[in-house]
Amino acid sequence: MDAPRKPRITLLSRLLHQHYAQAVDAAMRDAGFGDIRPSDAKAFPFVPVEGVTVGELAARAGVRKQTMAETVNRLVGAGYLERQPNPRDARSQLVLLTDRGRRARPVAAAAGDRVERQWAELTSPEEVELLRSLLQHLVSALDAASENPPTRG
């Protein structure tokens, strides 16, 4: 008889992400930002004060340029982002946060902090920090491996 299969790390991380996203979404709604979708998280954290092109924003977020362009269009329409001419390249525009977008950012960050505190209360602060450290180590190892792929002999 086969031993029960361990849950995949990707499933566990997806379940944690769902819990996190639901809590942040609820906090955003409660603060009057109910028109922000959980998928908009791929844009907000990556918009610097000086602005960014859609292509750069897509690369930072790890999504396709078309996907990011759709998100940016929606967030511009909702008043969270704006476009301005790019002073370094007349062929492109910069995406910047509006006042409304800047007000939304700390609400999401505070909600995320509350989620991590809850996880620490449910387990322990040490276990949450160990999980963070192990995941950070894995991400760094994957980054290093992609920069230095093994050579075939």
Protein backbone atom coordinates (compact mmCIF):
# COMPACT_ATOMS: atom_id res chain seq x y z
CA MET A 1 0.00 0.00 0.00
CA ASP A 2 1.32 3.41 -0.98
CA ALA A 3 1.94 6.01 1.70
CA PRO A 4 -0.38 9.02 1.55
CA ARG A 5 1.01 11.64 -0.77
CA LYS A 6 2.34 14.80 0.84
CA PRO A 7 0.64 17.98 -0.34
CA ARG A 8 2.67 19.84 -2.94
CA ILE A 9 4.40 23.00 -1.78
CA THR A 10 2.66 24.86 -4.59
CA LEU A 11 -0.76 23.84 -3.26
CA LEU A 12 0.14 24.93 0.26
CA SER A 13 1.51 28.26 -0.98
CA ARG A 14 -1.62 28.79 -3.08
CA LEU A 15 -3.83 28.19 -0.02
CA LEU A 16 -1.76 30.65 2.03
CA HIS A 17 -1.96 33.18 -0.77
CA GLN A 18 -5.75 32.78 -0.95
CA HIS A 19 -6.04 33.45 2.79
CA TYR A 20 -3.77 36.48 2.46
CA ALA A 21 -5.59 37.86 -0.61
CA GLN A 22 -9.02 37.47 1.00
CA ALA A 23 -7.90 39.35 4.12
CA VAL A 24 -6.31 42.16 2.10
CA ASP A 25 -9.36 42.35 -0.18
CA ALA A 26 -11.68 42.68 2.85
CA ALA A 27 -9.50 45.42 4.35
CA MET A 28 -9.46 47.31 1.05
CA ARG A 29 -13.26 47.11 0.78
CA ASP A 30 -13.67 48.28 4.39
CA ALA A 31 -11.38 51.27 3.68
CA GLY A 32 -13.37 52.35 0.63
CA PHE A 33 -11.17 50.75 -2.01
CA GLY A 34 -13.59 47.99 -2.98
CA ASP A 35 -12.99 48.47 -6.69
CA ILE A 36 -9.43 47.14 -6.41
CA ARG A 37 -9.24 43.50 -7.44
CA PRO A 38 -6.85 41.00 -5.85
CA SER A 39 -5.17 40.65 -9.25
CA ASP A 40 -4.26 44.36 -9.11
CA ALA A 41 -1.59 43.40 -6.60
CA LYS A 42 0.61 42.65 -9.59
CA ALA A 43 0.85 46.39 -10.28
CA PHE A 44 0.62 48.41 -7.06
CA PRO A 45 3.80 47.32 -5.27
CA PHE A 46 5.97 47.89 -8.33
CA VAL A 47 5.10 51.50 -9.22
CA PRO A 48 7.94 53.74 -7.99
CA VAL A 49 7.45 57.42 -7.13
CA GLU A 50 9.16 58.52 -10.36
CA GLY A 51 6.91 56.31 -12.46
CA VAL A 52 7.53 53.32 -14.69
CA THR A 53 6.66 52.20 -18.21
CA VAL A 54 4.12 49.42 -18.66
CA GLY A 55 6.87 47.17 -20.04
CA GLU A 56 9.11 47.77 -17.02
CA LEU A 57 6.15 47.28 -14.70
CA ALA A 58 5.30 43.96 -16.37
CA ALA A 59 8.90 42.78 -16.02
CA ARG A 60 9.03 43.75 -12.33
CA ALA A 61 5.76 41.95 -11.64
CA GLY A 62 6.66 38.91 -13.73
CA VAL A 63 3.63 39.11 -16.03
CA ARG A 64 3.14 39.62 -19.75
CA LYS A 65 3.11 43.19 -21.02
CA GLN A 66 -0.42 42.76 -22.41
CA THR A 67 -1.68 41.55 -19.02
CA MET A 68 -0.09 44.53 -17.28
CA ALA A 69 -1.45 46.96 -19.89
CA GLU A 70 -4.98 45.69 -19.18
CA THR A 71 -4.46 46.09 -15.43
CA VAL A 72 -3.02 49.59 -15.86
CA ASN A 73 -5.94 50.62 -18.10
CA ARG A 74 -8.42 49.46 -15.49
CA LEU A 75 -6.58 51.18 -12.63
CA VAL A 76 -6.27 54.41 -14.63
CA GLY A 77 -10.02 54.29 -15.24
CA ALA A 78 -10.64 53.71 -11.52
CA GLY A 79 -8.42 56.66 -10.56
CA TYR A 80 -5.54 54.77 -8.92
CA LEU A 81 -2.95 55.26 -11.65
CA GLU A 82 -2.25 57.94 -14.24
CA ARG A 83 -0.15 58.15 -17.36
CA GLN A 84 2.27 60.96 -18.10
CA PRO A 85 4.69 61.54 -20.98
CA ASN A 86 8.05 59.86 -20.43
CA PRO A 87 10.70 62.62 -20.37
CA ARG A 88 13.39 60.07 -21.32
CA ASP A 89 11.50 58.57 -24.29
CA ALA A 90 8.83 60.47 -26.23
CA ARG A 91 7.48 57.20 -27.64
CA SER A 92 6.37 55.92 -24.25
CA GLN A 93 4.45 57.00 -21.19
CA LEU A 94 5.12 56.59 -17.50
CA VAL A 95 2.62 55.05 -15.11
CA LEU A 96 2.37 56.78 -11.73
CA LEU A 97 0.21 56.40 -8.64
CA THR A 98 -2.46 59.06 -8.14
CA ASP A 99 -3.27 60.42 -4.69
CA ARG A 100 -5.96 57.74 -4.43
CA GLY A 101 -3.43 55.07 -5.39
CA ARG A 102 -0.95 56.33 -2.79
CA ARG A 103 -3.70 56.20 -0.12
CA ALA A 104 -4.56 52.60 -1.02
CA ARG A 105 -1.03 51.25 -0.73
CA PRO A 106 -0.61 51.50 3.08
CA VAL A 107 -4.05 49.95 3.64
CA ALA A 108 -2.97 46.84 1.73
CA ALA A 109 0.41 46.77 3.51
CA ALA A 110 -1.20 47.03 6.94
CA ALA A 111 -3.64 44.23 6.08
CA GLY A 112 -0.75 42.04 4.95
CA ASP A 113 1.07 42.72 8.22
CA ARG A 114 -2.04 41.70 10.17
CA VAL A 115 -2.24 38.43 8.24
CA GLU A 116 1.37 37.59 9.04
CA ARG A 117 0.81 38.44 12.72
CA GLN A 118 -2.21 36.12 12.71
CA TRP A 119 -0.12 33.32 11.23
CA ALA A 120 2.48 33.89 13.95
CA GLU A 121 -0.24 33.72 16.63
CA LEU A 122 -1.61 30.49 15.16
CA THR A 123 1.82 28.85 15.00
CA SER A 124 4.67 30.88 16.47
CA PRO A 125 6.71 33.91 15.42
CA GLU A 126 9.74 31.63 15.07
CA GLU A 127 7.94 29.25 12.71
CA VAL A 128 6.70 32.08 10.50
CA GLU A 129 10.21 33.53 10.33
CA LEU A 130 11.65 30.09 9.57
CA LEU A 131 9.13 29.67 6.75
CA ARG A 132 10.03 33.12 5.40
CA SER A 133 13.74 32.32 5.60
CA LEU A 134 13.39 28.95 3.87
CA LEU A 135 11.25 30.39 1.08
CA GLN A 136 13.66 33.30 0.65
CA HIS A 137 16.55 30.82 0.44
CA LEU A 138 14.73 28.77 -2.21
CA VAL A 139 13.89 31.88 -4.27
CA SER A 140 17.52 33.05 -4.09
CA ALA A 141 18.76 29.61 -5.13
CA LEU A 142 16.35 29.56 -8.08
CA ASP A 143 17.46 33.06 -9.12
CA ALA A 144 21.11 32.04 -8.93
CA ALA A 145 20.46 28.86 -10.91
CA SER A 146 18.67 30.78 -13.67
CA GLU A 147 21.58 33.24 -13.91
CA ASN A 148 24.14 30.41 -14.01
CA PRO A 149 22.51 27.44 -15.76
CA PRO A 150 24.52 24.22 -15.52
CA THR A 151 26.68 23.47 -18.52
CA ARG A 152 26.41 20.15 -20.27
CA GLY A 153 29.62 18.30 -20.78
